């Protein structure tokens, strides 16, 4: 499994000085699961991936079925935050 980070997301991760990041399923919607990104230590069974000087822990259930994760950052009028795209698709409806 591979992790890709967009330029916007990399800049925001640099701004907040984020280390030890964990990607996990946060819930489910009509189009499938929603994924979240948060600071945290790896949990039992997680797959650990090093990318651009950062350590990412990914839930095993995600790592077993996904070719790549793309971390993007969105900043709009009503919301802002990181977005996890799976195999080139957004994890939201």
PDB file of N, CA and C in Angstrom:
ATOM      1  N   UNK A   1       0.835  -1.175   0.000  1.00  0.00           N
ATOM      2  CA  UNK A   1       0.000   0.000   0.000  1.00  0.00           C
ATOM      3  C   UNK A   1       0.885   1.246   0.000  1.00  0.00           C
ATOM      4  N   UNK A   2       0.431   2.257  -0.689  1.00  0.00           N
ATOM      5  CA  UNK A   2       1.195   3.497  -0.826  1.00  0.00           C
ATOM      6  C   UNK A   2       0.380   4.669  -0.269  1.00  0.00           C
ATOM      7  N   UNK A   3       1.069   5.664   0.271  1.00  0.00           N
ATOM      8  CA  UNK A   3       0.431   6.895   0.714  1.00  0.00           C
ATOM      9  C   UNK A   3       0.959   8.035  -0.143  1.00  0.00           C
ATOM     10  N   UNK A   4       0.041   8.827  -0.665  1.00  0.00           N
ATOM     11  CA  UNK A   4       0.393  10.021  -1.440  1.00  0.00           C
ATOM     12  C   UNK A   4      -0.128  11.234  -0.687  1.00  0.00           C
ATOM     13  N   UNK A   5       0.632  12.318  -0.720  1.00  0.00           N
ATOM     14  CA  UNK A   5       0.248  13.533  -0.008  1.00  0.00           C
ATOM     15  C   UNK A   5       0.272  14.690  -1.008  1.00  0.00           C
ATOM     16  N   UNK A   6      -0.852  15.391  -1.139  1.00  0.00           N
ATOM     17  CA  UNK A   6      -0.895  16.534  -2.051  1.00  0.00           C
ATOM     18  C   UNK A   6      -0.058  17.678  -1.470  1.00  0.00           C
ATOM     19  N   UNK A   7       0.272  18.637  -2.316  1.00  0.00           N
ATOM     20  CA  UNK A   7       1.058  19.786  -1.854  1.00  0.00           C
ATOM     21  C   UNK A   7       0.327  20.571  -0.769  1.00  0.00           C
ATOM     22  N   UNK A   8      -0.994  20.760  -0.946  1.00  0.00           N
ATOM     23  CA  UNK A   8      -1.781  21.496   0.061  1.00  0.00           C
ATOM     24  C   UNK A   8      -1.761  20.768   1.404  1.00  0.00           C
ATOM     25  N   UNK A   9      -1.911  19.450   1.366  1.00  0.00           N
ATOM     26  CA  UNK A   9      -1.906  18.676   2.612  1.00  0.00           C
ATOM     27  C   UNK A   9      -0.527  18.694   3.254  1.00  0.00           C
ATOM     28  N   UNK A  10       0.528  18.576   2.453  1.00  0.00           N
ATOM     29  CA  UNK A  10       1.883  18.601   3.000  1.00  0.00           C
ATOM     30  C   UNK A  10       2.170  19.937   3.673  1.00  0.00           C
ATOM     31  N   UNK A  11       1.732  21.021   3.042  1.00  0.00           N
ATOM     32  CA  UNK A  11       1.952  22.345   3.635  1.00  0.00           C
ATOM     33  C   UNK A  11       1.211  22.479   4.963  1.00  0.00           C
ATOM     34  N   UNK A  12      -0.010  21.987   5.022  1.00  0.00           N
ATOM     35  CA  UNK A  12      -0.787  22.073   6.265  1.00  0.00           C
ATOM     36  C   UNK A  12      -0.194  21.169   7.350  1.00  0.00           C
ATOM     37  N   UNK A  13       0.277  19.995   6.984  1.00  0.00           N
ATOM     38  CA  UNK A  13       0.936  19.113   7.958  1.00  0.00           C
ATOM     39  C   UNK A  13       2.198  19.773   8.506  1.00  0.00           C
ATOM     40  N   UNK A  14       2.918  20.490   7.649  1.00  0.00           N
ATOM     41  CA  UNK A  14       4.099  21.230   8.107  1.00  0.00           C
ATOM     42  C   UNK A  14       3.702  22.355   9.064  1.00  0.00           C
ATOM     43  N   UNK A  15       2.598  23.054   8.755  1.00  0.00           N
ATOM     44  CA  UNK A  15       2.139  24.162   9.593  1.00  0.00           C
ATOM     45  C   UNK A  15       1.756  23.721  10.999  1.00  0.00           C
ATOM     46  N   UNK A  16       1.163  22.551  11.104  1.00  0.00           N
ATOM     47  CA  UNK A  16       0.728  22.087  12.426  1.00  0.00           C
ATOM     48  C   UNK A  16       1.748  21.161  13.076  1.00  0.00           C
ATOM     49  N   UNK A  17       2.876  20.930  12.384  1.00  0.00           N
ATOM     50  CA  UNK A  17       3.951  20.105  12.921  1.00  0.00           C
ATOM     51  C   UNK A  17       3.439  18.733  13.365  1.00  0.00           C
ATOM     52  N   UNK A  18       2.732  18.056  12.476  1.00  0.00           N
ATOM     53  CA  UNK A  18       2.090  16.780  12.793  1.00  0.00           C
ATOM     54  C   UNK A  18       3.047  15.612  12.619  1.00  0.00           C
ATOM     55  N   UNK A  19       3.099  14.771  13.628  1.00  0.00           N
ATOM     56  CA  UNK A  19       3.843  13.508  13.585  1.00  0.00           C
ATOM     57  C   UNK A  19       2.925  12.398  14.070  1.00  0.00           C
ATOM     58  N   UNK A  20       3.333  11.158  13.819  1.00  0.00           N
ATOM     59  CA  UNK A  20       2.576   9.995  14.277  1.00  0.00           C
ATOM     60  C   UNK A  20       1.097  10.125  13.948  1.00  0.00           C
ATOM     61  N   UNK A  21       0.801  10.012  12.679  1.00  0.00           N
ATOM     62  CA  UNK A  21      -0.564  10.168  12.193  1.00  0.00           C
ATOM     63  C   UNK A  21      -1.205   8.809  11.970  1.00  0.00           C
ATOM     64  N   UNK A  22      -2.495   8.727  12.256  1.00  0.00           N
ATOM     65  CA  UNK A  22      -3.215   7.462  12.119  1.00  0.00           C
ATOM     66  C   UNK A  22      -4.427   7.665  11.212  1.00  0.00           C
ATOM     67  N   UNK A  23      -4.594   6.742  10.259  1.00  0.00           N
ATOM     68  CA  UNK A  23      -5.718   6.763   9.334  1.00  0.00           C
ATOM     69  C   UNK A  23      -6.624   5.587   9.694  1.00  0.00           C
ATOM     70  N   UNK A  24      -7.912   5.900   9.940  1.00  0.00           N
ATOM     71  CA  UNK A  24      -8.846   4.870  10.375  1.00  0.00           C
ATOM     72  C   UNK A  24     -10.235   5.149   9.812  1.00  0.00           C
ATOM     73  N   UNK A  25     -11.072   4.135   9.802  1.00  0.00           N
ATOM     74  CA  UNK A  25     -12.465   4.293   9.407  1.00  0.00           C
ATOM     75  C   UNK A  25     -13.180   5.076  10.495  1.00  0.00           C
ATOM     76  N   UNK A  26     -13.889   6.141  10.094  1.00  0.00           N
ATOM     77  CA  UNK A  26     -14.609   6.995  11.045  1.00  0.00           C
ATOM     78  C   UNK A  26     -16.118   6.776  11.015  1.00  0.00           C
ATOM     79  N   UNK A  27     -16.618   6.110  10.000  1.00  0.00           N
ATOM     80  CA  UNK A  27     -18.049   5.860   9.875  1.00  0.00           C
ATOM     81  C   UNK A  27     -18.372   5.381   8.471  1.00  0.00           C
ATOM     82  N   UNK A  28     -19.655   5.195   8.210  1.00  0.00           N
ATOM     83  CA  UNK A  28     -20.085   4.684   6.909  1.00  0.00           C
ATOM     84  C   UNK A  28     -21.217   5.534   6.358  1.00  0.00           C
ATOM     85  N   UNK A  29     -21.216   5.708   5.044  1.00  0.00           N
ATOM     86  CA  UNK A  29     -22.257   6.468   4.368  1.00  0.00           C
ATOM     87  C   UNK A  29     -22.771   5.686   3.168  1.00  0.00           C
ATOM     88  N   UNK A  30     -23.561   6.357   2.325  1.00  0.00           N
ATOM     89  CA  UNK A  30     -24.124   5.701   1.143  1.00  0.00           C
ATOM     90  C   UNK A  30     -23.050   5.188   0.197  1.00  0.00           C
ATOM     91  N   UNK A  31     -21.967   5.916   0.080  1.00  0.00           N
ATOM     92  CA  UNK A  31     -20.927   5.528  -0.871  1.00  0.00           C
ATOM     93  C   UNK A  31     -19.819   4.700  -0.230  1.00  0.00           C
ATOM     94  N   UNK A  32     -19.995   4.309   1.023  1.00  0.00           N
ATOM     95  CA  UNK A  32     -18.982   3.480   1.676  1.00  0.00           C
ATOM     96  C   UNK A  32     -18.431   4.151   2.918  1.00  0.00           C
ATOM     97  N   UNK A  33     -17.255   3.715   3.335  1.00  0.00           N
ATOM     98  CA  UNK A  33     -16.695   4.229   4.593  1.00  0.00           C
ATOM     99  C   UNK A  33     -16.130   5.644   4.463  1.00  0.00           C
ATOM    100  N   UNK A  34     -16.123   6.345   5.591  1.00  0.00           N
ATOM    101  CA  UNK A  34     -15.455   7.631   5.721  1.00  0.00           C
ATOM    102  C   UNK A  34     -14.166   7.390   6.493  1.00  0.00           C
ATOM    103  N   UNK A  35     -13.104   8.015   6.051  1.00  0.00           N
ATOM    104  CA  UNK A  35     -11.810   7.828   6.694  1.00  0.00           C
ATOM    105  C   UNK A  35     -11.381   9.109   7.390  1.00  0.00           C
ATOM    106  N   UNK A  36     -10.703   8.950   8.492  1.00  0.00           N
ATOM    107  CA  UNK A  36     -10.235  10.092   9.244  1.00  0.00           C
ATOM    108  C   UNK A  36      -8.734  10.051   9.445  1.00  0.00           C
ATOM    109  N   UNK A  37      -8.149  11.210   9.673  1.00  0.00           N
ATOM    110  CA  UNK A  37      -6.727  11.369   9.931  1.00  0.00           C
ATOM    111  C   UNK A  37      -6.584  12.104  11.256  1.00  0.00           C
ATOM    112  N   UNK A  38      -5.836  11.521  12.176  1.00  0.00           N
ATOM    113  CA  UNK A  38      -5.645  12.134  13.488  1.00  0.00           C
ATOM    114  C   UNK A  38      -4.259  11.785  14.009  1.00  0.00           C
ATOM    115  N   UNK A  39      -3.754  12.603  14.917  1.00  0.00           N
ATOM    116  CA  UNK A  39      -2.498  12.267  15.557  1.00  0.00           C
ATOM    117  C   UNK A  39      -2.749  11.143  16.545  1.00  0.00           C
ATOM    118  N   UNK A  40      -1.874  10.157  16.534  1.00  0.00           N
ATOM    119  CA  UNK A  40      -2.019   9.038  17.448  1.00  0.00           C
ATOM    120  C   UNK A  40      -0.995   7.963  17.175  1.00  0.00           C
ATOM    121  N   UNK A  41      -0.703   7.215  18.199  1.00  0.00           N
ATOM    122  CA  UNK A  41       0.244   6.109  18.089  1.00  0.00           C
ATOM    123  C   UNK A  41      -0.422   4.934  17.372  1.00  0.00           C
ATOM    124  N   UNK A  42       0.376   4.112  16.704  1.00  0.00           N
ATOM    125  CA  UNK A  42      -0.183   2.917  16.073  1.00  0.00           C
ATOM    126  C   UNK A  42      -0.864   2.019  17.107  1.00  0.00           C
ATOM    127  N   UNK A  43      -1.932   1.372  16.680  1.00  0.00           N
ATOM    128  CA  UNK A  43      -2.625   0.418  17.526  1.00  0.00           C
ATOM    129  C   UNK A  43      -2.326  -0.987  17.039  1.00  0.00           C
ATOM    130  N   UNK A  44      -2.634  -1.953  17.861  1.00  0.00           N
ATOM    131  CA  UNK A  44      -2.356  -3.346  17.529  1.00  0.00           C
ATOM    132  C   UNK A  44      -2.955  -3.700  16.169  1.00  0.00           C
ATOM    133  N   UNK A  45      -2.149  -4.242  15.288  1.00  0.00           N
ATOM    134  CA  UNK A  45      -2.594  -4.656  13.971  1.00  0.00           C
ATOM    135  C   UNK A  45      -2.432  -3.613  12.884  1.00  0.00           C
ATOM    136  N   UNK A  46      -2.142  -2.369  13.233  1.00  0.00           N
ATOM    137  CA  UNK A  46      -1.967  -1.324  12.228  1.00  0.00           C
ATOM    138  C   UNK A  46      -0.745  -1.581  11.359  1.00  0.00           C
ATOM    139  N   UNK A  47      -0.821  -1.099  10.139  1.00  0.00           N
ATOM    140  CA  UNK A  47       0.316  -1.125   9.223  1.00  0.00           C
ATOM    141  C   UNK A  47       0.983   0.243   9.316  1.00  0.00           C
ATOM    142  N   UNK A  48       2.297   0.270   9.529  1.00  0.00           N
ATOM    143  CA  UNK A  48       3.033   1.521   9.663  1.00  0.00           C
ATOM    144  C   UNK A  48       3.765   1.827   8.363  1.00  0.00           C
ATOM    145  N   UNK A  49       3.596   3.060   7.879  1.00  0.00           N
ATOM    146  CA  UNK A  49       4.213   3.486   6.617  1.00  0.00           C
ATOM    147  C   UNK A  49       4.927   4.809   6.851  1.00  0.00           C
ATOM    148  N   UNK A  50       6.166   4.912   6.383  1.00  0.00           N
ATOM    149  CA  UNK A  50       6.937   6.154   6.439  1.00  0.00           C
ATOM    150  C   UNK A  50       6.774   6.887   5.114  1.00  0.00           C
ATOM    151  N   UNK A  51       6.443   8.183   5.195  1.00  0.00           N
ATOM    152  CA  UNK A  51       6.297   8.990   3.982  1.00  0.00           C
ATOM    153  C   UNK A  51       6.702  10.417   4.286  1.00  0.00           C
ATOM    154  N   UNK A  52       7.661  10.943   3.556  1.00  0.00           N
ATOM    155  CA  UNK A  52       8.096  12.332   3.677  1.00  0.00           C
ATOM    156  C   UNK A  52       8.455  12.713   5.114  1.00  0.00           C
ATOM    157  N   UNK A  53       9.123  11.816   5.829  1.00  0.00           N
ATOM    158  CA  UNK A  53       9.568  12.100   7.189  1.00  0.00           C
ATOM    159  C   UNK A  53       8.492  11.959   8.248  1.00  0.00           C
ATOM    160  N   UNK A  54       7.334  11.455   7.864  1.00  0.00           N
ATOM    161  CA  UNK A  54       6.241  11.256   8.815  1.00  0.00           C
ATOM    162  C   UNK A  54       5.918   9.770   8.914  1.00  0.00           C
ATOM    163  N   UNK A  55       5.404   9.383  10.067  1.00  0.00           N
ATOM    164  CA  UNK A  55       4.977   8.009  10.260  1.00  0.00           C
ATOM    165  C   UNK A  55       3.458   7.964  10.250  1.00  0.00           C
ATOM    166  N   UNK A  56       2.906   7.136   9.387  1.00  0.00           N
ATOM    167  CA  UNK A  56       1.468   6.947   9.291  1.00  0.00           C
ATOM    168  C   UNK A  56       1.129   5.535   9.734  1.00  0.00           C
ATOM    169  N   UNK A  57       0.146   5.416  10.599  1.00  0.00           N
ATOM    170  CA  UNK A  57      -0.394   4.122  10.992  1.00  0.00           C
ATOM    171  C   UNK A  57      -1.737   3.980  10.300  1.00  0.00           C
ATOM    172  N   UNK A  58      -1.944   2.861   9.622  1.00  0.00           N
ATOM    173  CA  UNK A  58      -3.175   2.626   8.878  1.00  0.00           C
ATOM    174  C   UNK A  58      -3.818   1.350   9.413  1.00  0.00           C
ATOM    175  N   UNK A  59      -5.118   1.409   9.682  1.00  0.00           N
ATOM    176  CA  UNK A  59      -5.832   0.220  10.142  1.00  0.00           C
ATOM    177  C   UNK A  59      -5.614  -0.921   9.160  1.00  0.00           C
ATOM    178  N   UNK A  60      -5.380  -2.101   9.666  1.00  0.00           N
ATOM    179  CA  UNK A  60      -5.108  -3.282   8.836  1.00  0.00           C
ATOM    180  C   UNK A  60      -6.237  -3.515   7.830  1.00  0.00           C
ATOM    181  N   UNK A  61      -7.484  -3.330   8.239  1.00  0.00           N
ATOM    182  CA  UNK A  61      -8.622  -3.564   7.353  1.00  0.00           C
ATOM    183  C   UNK A  61      -8.579  -2.662   6.123  1.00  0.00           C
ATOM    184  N   UNK A  62      -8.054  -1.456   6.290  1.00  0.00           N
ATOM    185  CA  UNK A  62      -7.896  -0.545   5.158  1.00  0.00           C
ATOM    186  C   UNK A  62      -6.713  -0.977   4.306  1.00  0.00           C
ATOM    187  N   UNK A  63      -5.596  -1.240   4.933  1.00  0.00           N
ATOM    188  CA  UNK A  63      -4.369  -1.576   4.218  1.00  0.00           C
ATOM    189  C   UNK A  63      -4.506  -2.844   3.379  1.00  0.00           C
ATOM    190  N   UNK A  64      -5.339  -3.774   3.833  1.00  0.00           N
ATOM    191  CA  UNK A  64      -5.501  -5.035   3.114  1.00  0.00           C
ATOM    192  C   UNK A  64      -6.283  -4.905   1.807  1.00  0.00           C
ATOM    193  N   UNK A  65      -7.083  -3.856   1.657  1.00  0.00           N
ATOM    194  CA  UNK A  65      -7.943  -3.755   0.477  1.00  0.00           C
ATOM    195  C   UNK A  65      -7.687  -2.527  -0.392  1.00  0.00           C
ATOM    196  N   UNK A  66      -6.765  -1.659   0.002  1.00  0.00           N
ATOM    197  CA  UNK A  66      -6.528  -0.398  -0.706  1.00  0.00           C
ATOM    198  C   UNK A  66      -5.157  -0.416  -1.362  1.00  0.00           C
ATOM    199  N   UNK A  67      -5.094   0.055  -2.619  1.00  0.00           N
ATOM    200  CA  UNK A  67      -3.804   0.162  -3.301  1.00  0.00           C
ATOM    201  C   UNK A  67      -3.031   1.388  -2.829  1.00  0.00           C
ATOM    202  N   UNK A  68      -3.746   2.530  -2.751  1.00  0.00           N
ATOM    203  CA  UNK A  68      -3.094   3.745  -2.254  1.00  0.00           C
ATOM    204  C   UNK A  68      -4.101   4.684  -1.613  1.00  0.00           C
ATOM    205  N   UNK A  69      -3.601   5.451  -0.672  1.00  0.00           N
ATOM    206  CA  UNK A  69      -4.360   6.512  -0.010  1.00  0.00           C
ATOM    207  C   UNK A  69      -3.762   7.833  -0.433  1.00  0.00           C
ATOM    208  N   UNK A  70      -4.610   8.808  -0.725  1.00  0.00           N
ATOM    209  CA  UNK A  70      -4.139  10.160  -1.006  1.00  0.00           C
ATOM    210  C   UNK A  70      -4.676  11.076   0.083  1.00  0.00           C
ATOM    211  N   UNK A  71      -3.787  11.814   0.713  1.00  0.00           N
ATOM    212  CA  UNK A  71      -4.177  12.769   1.736  1.00  0.00           C
ATOM    213  C   UNK A  71      -4.197  14.144   1.092  1.00  0.00           C
ATOM    214  N   UNK A  72      -5.359  14.781   1.157  1.00  0.00           N
ATOM    215  CA  UNK A  72      -5.539  16.109   0.585  1.00  0.00           C
ATOM    216  C   UNK A  72      -6.026  17.040   1.693  1.00  0.00           C
ATOM    217  N   UNK A  73      -5.961  18.339   1.435  1.00  0.00           N
ATOM    218  CA  UNK A  73      -6.460  19.322   2.399  1.00  0.00           C
ATOM    219  C   UNK A  73      -7.439  20.229   1.688  1.00  0.00           C
ATOM    220  N   UNK A  74      -8.606  20.418   2.310  1.00  0.00           N
ATOM    221  CA  UNK A  74      -9.651  21.256   1.746  1.00  0.00           C
ATOM    222  C   UNK A  74      -9.927  22.410   2.694  1.00  0.00           C
ATOM    223  N   UNK A  75     -10.037  23.600   2.138  1.00  0.00           N
ATOM    224  CA  UNK A  75     -10.394  24.761   2.948  1.00  0.00           C
ATOM    225  C   UNK A  75     -11.430  25.553   2.164  1.00  0.00           C
ATOM    226  N   UNK A  76     -12.648  25.532   2.674  1.00  0.00           N
ATOM    227  CA  UNK A  76     -13.750  26.226   2.034  1.00  0.00           C
ATOM    228  C   UNK A  76     -14.429  27.172   3.007  1.00  0.00           C
ATOM    229  N   UNK A  77     -15.553  27.701   2.566  1.00  0.00           N
ATOM    230  CA  UNK A  77     -16.276  28.679   3.365  1.00  0.00           C
ATOM    231  C   UNK A  77     -16.841  28.071   4.647  1.00  0.00           C
ATOM    232  N   UNK A  78     -17.417  26.892   4.558  1.00  0.00           N
ATOM    233  CA  UNK A  78     -18.069  26.280   5.708  1.00  0.00           C
ATOM    234  C   UNK A  78     -17.267  25.183   6.399  1.00  0.00           C
ATOM    235  N   UNK A  79     -16.265  24.679   5.755  1.00  0.00           N
ATOM    236  CA  UNK A  79     -15.489  23.615   6.385  1.00  0.00           C
ATOM    237  C   UNK A  79     -14.056  23.607   5.877  1.00  0.00           C
ATOM    238  N   UNK A  80     -13.205  23.006   6.678  1.00  0.00           N
ATOM    239  CA  UNK A  80     -11.820  22.812   6.265  1.00  0.00           C
ATOM    240  C   UNK A  80     -11.309  21.563   6.967  1.00  0.00           C
ATOM    241  N   UNK A  81     -10.309  20.948   6.354  1.00  0.00           N
ATOM    242  CA  UNK A  81      -9.716  19.787   6.989  1.00  0.00           C
ATOM    243  C   UNK A  81      -9.108  18.842   5.974  1.00  0.00           C
ATOM    244  N   UNK A  82      -8.552  17.779   6.498  1.00  0.00           N
ATOM    245  CA  UNK A  82      -7.920  16.775   5.658  1.00  0.00           C
ATOM    246  C   UNK A  82      -8.977  15.849   5.088  1.00  0.00           C
ATOM    247  N   UNK A  83      -8.732  15.415   3.869  1.00  0.00           N
ATOM    248  CA  UNK A  83      -9.623  14.476   3.205  1.00  0.00           C
ATOM    249  C   UNK A  83      -8.789  13.294   2.738  1.00  0.00           C
ATOM    250  N   UNK A  84      -9.275  12.104   2.985  1.00  0.00           N
ATOM    251  CA  UNK A  84      -8.579  10.888   2.572  1.00  0.00           C
ATOM    252  C   UNK A  84      -9.270  10.347   1.335  1.00  0.00           C
ATOM    253  N   UNK A  85      -8.535  10.231   0.247  1.00  0.00           N
ATOM    254  CA  UNK A  85      -9.048   9.660  -0.991  1.00  0.00           C
ATOM    255  C   UNK A  85      -8.456   8.265  -1.157  1.00  0.00           C
ATOM    256  N   UNK A  86      -9.298   7.335  -1.516  1.00  0.00           N
ATOM    257  CA  UNK A  86      -8.907   5.928  -1.655  1.00  0.00           C
ATOM    258  C   UNK A  86      -8.841   5.566  -3.130  1.00  0.00           C
ATOM    259  N   UNK A  87      -7.692   5.090  -3.574  1.00  0.00           N
ATOM    260  CA  UNK A  87      -7.502   4.685  -4.964  1.00  0.00           C
ATOM    261  C   UNK A  87      -8.024   5.742  -5.944  1.00  0.00           C
ATOM    262  N   UNK A  88      -7.835   7.028  -5.593  1.00  0.00           N
ATOM    263  CA  UNK A  88      -8.242   8.122  -6.469  1.00  0.00           C
ATOM    264  C   UNK A  88      -9.670   8.590  -6.295  1.00  0.00           C
ATOM    265  N   UNK A  89     -10.388   8.031  -5.311  1.00  0.00           N
ATOM    266  CA  UNK A  89     -11.789   8.417  -5.085  1.00  0.00           C
ATOM    267  C   UNK A  89     -11.950   8.997  -3.705  1.00  0.00           C
ATOM    268  N   UNK A  90     -12.808   9.998  -3.594  1.00  0.00           N
ATOM    269  CA  UNK A  90     -13.111  10.624  -2.314  1.00  0.00           C
ATOM    270  C   UNK A  90     -13.867   9.641  -1.444  1.00  0.00           C
ATOM    271  N   UNK A  91     -13.631   9.741  -0.127  1.00  0.00           N
ATOM    272  CA  UNK A  91     -14.305   8.843   0.803  1.00  0.00           C
ATOM    273  C   UNK A  91     -15.600   9.428   1.328  1.00  0.00           C
ATOM    274  N   UNK A  92     -16.140  10.418   0.644  1.00  0.00           N
ATOM    275  CA  UNK A  92     -17.399  11.029   1.086  1.00  0.00           C
ATOM    276  C   UNK A  92     -18.435  10.953  -0.027  1.00  0.00           C
ATOM    277  N   UNK A  93     -19.705  11.209   0.340  1.00  0.00           N
ATOM    278  CA  UNK A  93     -20.804  11.170  -0.635  1.00  0.00           C
ATOM    279  C   UNK A  93     -20.716  12.348  -1.586  1.00  0.00           C
TER     280      UNK A  93
END
